[in-house]
Amino acid sequence: MADQNRIRLMSQLAILEKHDGKDLERFQKSFRSDYVGIPMLKNALRITAVFLLLLLIWGSGRIEWLLDVIAQGQSALLLTGVLAAYATLLLVTLMITFLAASASYFRVRQKAEAYQALLQELMTENMEGNDESV
């Protein structure tokens, strides 16, 4: 009976390692701030690049209007609007990224805790099996 339980535990451990091995290894090697912060930094850089590209495309299509705004001395107002749009876009995407990365972190954390519990149970089974054989 104890051998069947050990086999069951080892099978469950193998399944977890096969399906989630990379995530479990990454979880054990990193802190929560790294797990969440790195995707946020990557997304911030991506959003900035996309925003600048879209701003360039938009500005090239409205070059005459932009020159009129600058000639009228309203460039500060235009810059304020552009910065407000960028800040809003960045804030919303970073909040979504934070929530998604945190959810992913907690999912992997639960899997890591389940893995550790199975490992502990297997070690207990092995200890009990060694005691019985003596």
N, C-alpha and C. Protein backbone atom coordinates (compact mmCIF):
# COMPACT_ATOMS: atom_id res chain seq x y z
N MET A 1 0.82 -1.20 0.00
CA MET A 1 0.00 0.00 0.00
C MET A 1 0.87 1.26 0.00
N ALA A 2 1.96 1.23 0.78
CA ALA A 2 2.83 2.40 0.84
C ALA A 2 3.52 2.63 -0.49
N ASP A 3 3.86 1.53 -1.20
CA ASP A 3 4.50 1.67 -2.50
C ASP A 3 3.57 2.32 -3.51
N GLN A 4 2.29 1.98 -3.47
CA GLN A 4 1.32 2.60 -4.38
C GLN A 4 1.20 4.09 -4.10
N ASN A 5 1.22 4.46 -2.84
CA ASN A 5 1.13 5.88 -2.47
C ASN A 5 2.38 6.63 -2.95
N ARG A 6 3.55 6.01 -2.80
CA ARG A 6 4.79 6.63 -3.29
C ARG A 6 4.74 6.82 -4.80
N ILE A 7 4.27 5.81 -5.49
CA ILE A 7 4.16 5.89 -6.95
C ILE A 7 3.20 7.00 -7.36
N ARG A 8 2.08 7.09 -6.64
CA ARG A 8 1.11 8.16 -6.92
C ARG A 8 1.74 9.53 -6.70
N LEU A 9 2.47 9.70 -5.60
CA LEU A 9 3.11 10.97 -5.29
C LEU A 9 4.18 11.31 -6.33
N MET A 10 4.98 10.33 -6.71
CA MET A 10 6.02 10.57 -7.70
C MET A 10 5.41 10.91 -9.06
N SER A 11 4.30 10.29 -9.40
CA SER A 11 3.61 10.59 -10.66
C SER A 11 3.09 12.02 -10.66
N GLN A 12 2.49 12.42 -9.55
CA GLN A 12 1.97 13.79 -9.46
C GLN A 12 3.11 14.80 -9.55
N LEU A 13 4.23 14.50 -8.90
CA LEU A 13 5.39 15.38 -8.97
C LEU A 13 5.92 15.47 -10.40
N ALA A 14 5.98 14.34 -11.08
CA ALA A 14 6.47 14.32 -12.46
C ALA A 14 5.56 15.12 -13.39
N ILE A 15 4.25 14.98 -13.17
CA ILE A 15 3.30 15.74 -13.99
C ILE A 15 3.47 17.24 -13.76
N LEU A 16 3.60 17.64 -12.50
CA LEU A 16 3.82 19.06 -12.20
C LEU A 16 5.11 19.56 -12.83
N GLU A 17 6.18 18.76 -12.73
CA GLU A 17 7.45 19.18 -13.31
C GLU A 17 7.37 19.28 -14.83
N LYS A 18 6.66 18.36 -15.45
CA LYS A 18 6.55 18.38 -16.91
C LYS A 18 5.77 19.59 -17.40
N HIS A 19 4.62 19.85 -16.77
CA HIS A 19 3.75 20.93 -17.24
C HIS A 19 4.22 22.31 -16.78
N ASP A 20 4.71 22.40 -15.55
CA ASP A 20 5.01 23.70 -14.97
C ASP A 20 6.46 23.81 -14.49
N GLY A 21 7.34 22.99 -14.99
CA GLY A 21 8.72 22.96 -14.51
C GLY A 21 9.45 24.28 -14.67
N LYS A 22 9.29 24.89 -15.84
CA LYS A 22 9.98 26.18 -16.08
C LYS A 22 9.43 27.27 -15.16
N ASP A 23 8.12 27.29 -15.00
CA ASP A 23 7.51 28.30 -14.12
C ASP A 23 7.94 28.08 -12.67
N LEU A 24 7.98 26.83 -12.24
CA LEU A 24 8.37 26.54 -10.86
C LEU A 24 9.83 26.93 -10.62
N GLU A 25 10.68 26.65 -11.60
CA GLU A 25 12.10 27.01 -11.46
C GLU A 25 12.27 28.53 -11.43
N ARG A 26 11.56 29.21 -12.33
CA ARG A 26 11.63 30.68 -12.36
C ARG A 26 11.10 31.27 -11.05
N PHE A 27 10.04 30.67 -10.50
CA PHE A 27 9.46 31.15 -9.25
C PHE A 27 10.46 31.04 -8.11
N GLN A 28 11.18 29.92 -8.05
CA GLN A 28 12.12 29.71 -6.96
C GLN A 28 13.36 30.58 -7.08
N LYS A 29 13.67 31.02 -8.29
CA LYS A 29 14.89 31.82 -8.51
C LYS A 29 14.64 33.33 -8.46
N SER A 30 13.40 33.75 -8.35
CA SER A 30 13.13 35.18 -8.39
C SER A 30 12.27 35.63 -7.22
N PHE A 31 12.28 36.93 -7.02
CA PHE A 31 11.44 37.54 -6.01
C PHE A 31 10.14 37.98 -6.66
N ARG A 32 9.14 38.28 -5.85
CA ARG A 32 7.86 38.72 -6.41
C ARG A 32 8.03 40.03 -7.17
N SER A 33 8.87 40.93 -6.67
CA SER A 33 9.08 42.20 -7.34
C SER A 33 9.68 42.00 -8.73
N ASP A 34 10.55 41.01 -8.89
CA ASP A 34 11.11 40.71 -10.21
C ASP A 34 10.05 40.09 -11.10
N TYR A 35 9.25 39.22 -10.54
CA TYR A 35 8.22 38.52 -11.29
C TYR A 35 7.19 39.48 -11.85
N VAL A 36 6.94 40.56 -11.12
CA VAL A 36 5.94 41.54 -11.55
C VAL A 36 6.62 42.74 -12.24
N GLY A 37 7.76 43.16 -11.72
CA GLY A 37 8.41 44.37 -12.21
C GLY A 37 8.97 44.28 -13.61
N ILE A 38 9.54 43.13 -13.96
CA ILE A 38 10.15 42.99 -15.28
C ILE A 38 9.11 43.09 -16.39
N PRO A 39 7.96 42.39 -16.29
CA PRO A 39 6.94 42.59 -17.33
C PRO A 39 6.42 44.03 -17.40
N MET A 40 6.35 44.70 -16.25
CA MET A 40 5.88 46.09 -16.26
C MET A 40 6.89 46.98 -16.98
N LEU A 41 8.17 46.77 -16.74
CA LEU A 41 9.20 47.56 -17.42
C LEU A 41 9.18 47.30 -18.92
N LYS A 42 9.07 46.04 -19.31
CA LYS A 42 9.00 45.71 -20.74
C LYS A 42 7.80 46.37 -21.40
N ASN A 43 6.65 46.31 -20.74
CA ASN A 43 5.45 46.92 -21.32
C ASN A 43 5.56 48.44 -21.38
N ALA A 44 6.18 49.05 -20.37
CA ALA A 44 6.36 50.50 -20.40
C ALA A 44 7.21 50.90 -21.60
N LEU A 45 8.26 50.16 -21.87
CA LEU A 45 9.11 50.46 -23.03
C LEU A 45 8.35 50.24 -24.33
N ARG A 46 7.57 49.16 -24.40
CA ARG A 46 6.78 48.91 -25.62
C ARG A 46 5.74 50.01 -25.85
N ILE A 47 5.04 50.38 -24.80
CA ILE A 47 4.00 51.41 -24.93
C ILE A 47 4.63 52.74 -25.35
N THR A 48 5.77 53.07 -24.78
CA THR A 48 6.45 54.31 -25.15
C THR A 48 6.82 54.30 -26.62
N ALA A 49 7.39 53.19 -27.10
CA ALA A 49 7.78 53.09 -28.51
C ALA A 49 6.56 53.19 -29.43
N VAL A 50 5.48 52.49 -29.09
CA VAL A 50 4.28 52.54 -29.91
C VAL A 50 3.66 53.93 -29.89
N PHE A 51 3.63 54.56 -28.71
CA PHE A 51 3.05 55.90 -28.62
C PHE A 51 3.85 56.89 -29.47
N LEU A 52 5.17 56.82 -29.39
CA LEU A 52 6.00 57.74 -30.19
C LEU A 52 5.82 57.49 -31.68
N LEU A 53 5.70 56.24 -32.08
CA LEU A 53 5.47 55.91 -33.48
C LEU A 53 4.12 56.45 -33.95
N LEU A 54 3.08 56.23 -33.16
CA LEU A 54 1.75 56.74 -33.53
C LEU A 54 1.72 58.27 -33.53
N LEU A 55 2.44 58.88 -32.60
CA LEU A 55 2.52 60.34 -32.56
C LEU A 55 3.22 60.87 -33.80
N LEU A 56 4.26 60.19 -34.23
CA LEU A 56 4.98 60.58 -35.44
C LEU A 56 4.09 60.44 -36.67
N ILE A 57 3.35 59.35 -36.76
CA ILE A 57 2.44 59.15 -37.90
C ILE A 57 1.34 60.20 -37.88
N TRP A 58 0.76 60.43 -36.72
CA TRP A 58 -0.30 61.44 -36.59
C TRP A 58 0.24 62.83 -36.94
N GLY A 59 1.41 63.15 -36.41
CA GLY A 59 2.00 64.47 -36.67
C GLY A 59 2.38 64.69 -38.12
N SER A 60 2.83 63.64 -38.79
CA SER A 60 3.21 63.80 -40.20
C SER A 60 1.98 64.02 -41.08
N GLY A 61 0.85 63.52 -40.66
CA GLY A 61 -0.39 63.74 -41.42
C GLY A 61 -1.02 65.09 -41.15
N ARG A 62 -0.62 65.75 -40.07
CA ARG A 62 -1.20 67.05 -39.71
C ARG A 62 -0.11 68.11 -39.53
N ILE A 63 0.87 68.08 -40.37
CA ILE A 63 2.02 68.97 -40.22
C ILE A 63 1.62 70.44 -40.34
N GLU A 64 0.72 70.76 -41.26
CA GLU A 64 0.30 72.16 -41.41
C GLU A 64 -0.41 72.66 -40.15
N TRP A 65 -1.29 71.85 -39.63
CA TRP A 65 -2.01 72.22 -38.41
C TRP A 65 -1.03 72.41 -37.25
N LEU A 66 -0.04 71.51 -37.13
CA LEU A 66 0.96 71.63 -36.07
C LEU A 66 1.76 72.92 -36.20
N LEU A 67 2.14 73.28 -37.42
CA LEU A 67 2.89 74.53 -37.63
C LEU A 67 2.04 75.75 -37.26
N ASP A 68 0.73 75.69 -37.57
CA ASP A 68 -0.17 76.79 -37.18
C ASP A 68 -0.27 76.90 -35.66
N VAL A 69 -0.37 75.78 -34.96
CA VAL A 69 -0.46 75.78 -33.50
C VAL A 69 0.82 76.37 -32.90
N ILE A 70 1.95 75.98 -33.44
CA ILE A 70 3.23 76.50 -32.94
C ILE A 70 3.33 77.99 -33.24
N ALA A 71 2.89 78.43 -34.43
CA ALA A 71 2.95 79.85 -34.80
C ALA A 71 2.04 80.69 -33.90
N GLN A 72 0.95 80.13 -33.43
CA GLN A 72 0.02 80.85 -32.57
C GLN A 72 0.47 80.85 -31.11
N GLY A 73 1.53 80.13 -30.82
CA GLY A 73 2.06 80.10 -29.45
C GLY A 73 1.32 79.16 -28.52
N GLN A 74 0.65 78.19 -29.07
CA GLN A 74 -0.09 77.24 -28.26
C GLN A 74 0.60 75.88 -28.19
N SER A 75 1.89 75.86 -28.40
CA SER A 75 2.61 74.60 -28.38
C SER A 75 2.64 73.99 -26.97
N ALA A 76 2.63 74.84 -25.93
CA ALA A 76 2.62 74.33 -24.55
C ALA A 76 1.32 73.58 -24.28
N LEU A 77 0.23 74.10 -24.78
CA LEU A 77 -1.07 73.44 -24.61
C LEU A 77 -1.10 72.11 -25.35
N LEU A 78 -0.55 72.08 -26.56
CA LEU A 78 -0.49 70.86 -27.34
C LEU A 78 0.39 69.82 -26.65
N LEU A 79 1.53 70.27 -26.15
CA LEU A 79 2.44 69.37 -25.44
C LEU A 79 1.79 68.81 -24.17
N THR A 80 1.03 69.64 -23.47
CA THR A 80 0.32 69.18 -22.28
C THR A 80 -0.69 68.09 -22.63
N GLY A 81 -1.41 68.28 -23.71
CA GLY A 81 -2.38 67.28 -24.15
C GLY A 81 -1.72 65.96 -24.54
N VAL A 82 -0.60 66.06 -25.25
CA VAL A 82 0.12 64.85 -25.67
C VAL A 82 0.65 64.11 -24.44
N LEU A 83 1.23 64.84 -23.50
CA LEU A 83 1.76 64.22 -22.29
C LEU A 83 0.65 63.61 -21.43
N ALA A 84 -0.49 64.26 -21.38
CA ALA A 84 -1.62 63.71 -20.64
C ALA A 84 -2.11 62.41 -21.27
N ALA A 85 -2.18 62.39 -22.60
CA ALA A 85 -2.59 61.16 -23.29
C ALA A 85 -1.59 60.05 -23.05
N TYR A 86 -0.30 60.37 -23.12
CA TYR A 86 0.74 59.36 -22.88
C TYR A 86 0.67 58.84 -21.45
N ALA A 87 0.53 59.74 -20.49
CA ALA A 87 0.48 59.32 -19.09
C ALA A 87 -0.74 58.44 -18.82
N THR A 88 -1.87 58.79 -19.39
CA THR A 88 -3.08 57.99 -19.21
C THR A 88 -2.92 56.60 -19.82
N LEU A 89 -2.42 56.56 -21.04
CA LEU A 89 -2.20 55.28 -21.71
C LEU A 89 -1.21 54.41 -20.94
N LEU A 90 -0.13 55.03 -20.49
CA LEU A 90 0.89 54.28 -19.75
C LEU A 90 0.33 53.77 -18.42
N LEU A 91 -0.40 54.61 -17.72
CA LEU A 91 -0.97 54.21 -16.43
C LEU A 91 -1.94 53.05 -16.58
N VAL A 92 -2.82 53.13 -17.56
CA VAL A 92 -3.81 52.06 -17.76
C VAL A 92 -3.12 50.75 -18.13
N THR A 93 -2.17 50.80 -19.06
CA THR A 93 -1.50 49.56 -19.46
C THR A 93 -0.64 48.99 -18.34
N LEU A 94 -0.02 49.84 -17.55
CA LEU A 94 0.78 49.33 -16.44
C LEU A 94 -0.09 48.72 -15.35
N MET A 95 -1.27 49.27 -15.14
CA MET A 95 -2.19 48.66 -14.17
C MET A 95 -2.64 47.29 -14.64
N ILE A 96 -2.96 47.17 -15.92
CA ILE A 96 -3.38 45.88 -16.47
C ILE A 96 -2.22 44.88 -16.40
N THR A 97 -1.02 45.34 -16.73
CA THR A 97 0.16 44.47 -16.66
C THR A 97 0.42 44.02 -15.22
N PHE A 98 0.28 44.94 -14.27
CA PHE A 98 0.49 44.60 -12.87
C PHE A 98 -0.50 43.53 -12.41
N LEU A 99 -1.76 43.70 -12.77
CA LEU A 99 -2.78 42.73 -12.38
C LEU A 99 -2.54 41.37 -13.02
N ALA A 100 -2.17 41.37 -14.31
CA ALA A 100 -1.92 40.10 -14.99
C ALA A 100 -0.68 39.40 -14.43
N ALA A 101 0.39 40.16 -14.19
CA ALA A 101 1.62 39.56 -13.64
C ALA A 101 1.40 39.08 -12.22
N SER A 102 0.64 39.82 -11.43
CA SER A 102 0.35 39.39 -10.05
C SER A 102 -0.48 38.11 -10.05
N ALA A 103 -1.47 38.04 -10.92
CA ALA A 103 -2.29 36.83 -11.01
C ALA A 103 -1.43 35.64 -11.43
N SER A 104 -0.54 35.85 -12.37
CA SER A 104 0.36 34.79 -12.80
C SER A 104 1.28 34.36 -11.66
N TYR A 105 1.79 35.34 -10.92
CA TYR A 105 2.66 35.03 -9.78
C TYR A 105 1.93 34.17 -8.75
N PHE A 106 0.71 34.55 -8.41
CA PHE A 106 -0.02 33.81 -7.39
C PHE A 106 -0.42 32.41 -7.87
N ARG A 107 -0.71 32.26 -9.18
CA ARG A 107 -0.99 30.94 -9.74
C ARG A 107 0.24 30.04 -9.62
N VAL A 108 1.40 30.57 -9.99
CA VAL A 108 2.62 29.78 -9.91
C VAL A 108 2.98 29.52 -8.45
N ARG A 109 2.71 30.47 -7.59
CA ARG A 109 2.98 30.28 -6.16
C ARG A 109 2.15 29.12 -5.60
N GLN A 110 0.89 29.05 -6.00
CA GLN A 110 0.04 27.94 -5.54
C GLN A 110 0.57 26.60 -6.06
N LYS A 111 1.02 26.58 -7.31
CA LYS A 111 1.59 25.35 -7.86
C LYS A 111 2.87 24.98 -7.13
N ALA A 112 3.69 25.97 -6.79
CA ALA A 112 4.94 25.70 -6.07
C ALA A 112 4.64 25.17 -4.67
N GLU A 113 3.62 25.71 -4.02
CA GLU A 113 3.24 25.22 -2.70
C GLU A 113 2.71 23.79 -2.78
N ALA A 114 1.93 23.50 -3.81
CA ALA A 114 1.43 22.14 -4.00
C ALA A 114 2.58 21.19 -4.27
N TYR A 115 3.54 21.62 -5.07
CA TYR A 115 4.72 20.81 -5.38
C TYR A 115 5.51 20.51 -4.11
N GLN A 116 5.72 21.54 -3.28
CA GLN A 116 6.46 21.35 -2.03
C GLN A 116 5.71 20.42 -1.08
N ALA A 117 4.38 20.54 -1.05
CA ALA A 117 3.58 19.67 -0.18
C ALA A 117 3.69 18.21 -0.63
N LEU A 118 3.63 17.99 -1.95
CA LEU A 118 3.77 16.63 -2.46
C LEU A 118 5.17 16.09 -2.18
N LEU A 119 6.16 16.93 -2.33
CA LEU A 119 7.53 16.52 -2.05
C LEU A 119 7.72 16.17 -0.59
N GLN A 120 7.14 16.97 0.28
CA GLN A 120 7.22 16.70 1.72
C GLN A 120 6.49 15.40 2.08
N GLU A 121 5.35 15.20 1.45
CA GLU A 121 4.59 13.97 1.70
C GLU A 121 5.38 12.74 1.23
N LEU A 122 6.05 12.87 0.08
CA LEU A 122 6.87 11.77 -0.43
C LEU A 122 8.05 11.49 0.51
N MET A 123 8.66 12.53 1.02
CA MET A 123 9.77 12.34 1.95
C MET A 123 9.29 11.67 3.23
N THR A 124 8.11 12.04 3.70
CA THR A 124 7.53 11.41 4.90
C THR A 124 7.25 9.94 4.63
N GLU A 125 6.70 9.64 3.45
CA GLU A 125 6.44 8.25 3.07
C GLU A 125 7.74 7.44 3.04
N ASN A 126 8.79 8.05 2.49
CA ASN A 126 10.07 7.35 2.41
C ASN A 126 10.65 7.10 3.81
N MET A 127 10.50 8.07 4.69
CA MET A 127 10.99 7.89 6.06
C MET A 127 10.23 6.77 6.76
N GLU A 128 8.92 6.76 6.60
CA GLU A 128 8.10 5.71 7.22
C GLU A 128 8.42 4.36 6.63
N GLY A 129 8.67 4.32 5.30
CA GLY A 129 9.02 3.07 4.64
C GLY A 129 10.36 2.54 5.10
N ASN A 130 11.31 3.44 5.37
CA ASN A 130 12.62 3.03 5.86
C ASN A 130 12.51 2.51 7.29
N ASP A 131 11.66 3.11 8.10
CA ASP A 131 11.47 2.66 9.48
C ASP A 131 10.85 1.27 9.52
N GLU A 132 9.90 1.01 8.60
CA GLU A 132 9.23 -0.29 8.59
C GLU A 132 10.16 -1.40 8.14
N SER A 133 11.09 -1.08 7.23
CA SER A 133 11.96 -2.12 6.69
C SER A 133 13.07 -2.51 7.66
N VAL A 134 13.32 -1.70 8.67
CA VAL A 134 14.39 -1.99 9.64
C VAL A 134 13.96 -2.96 10.69
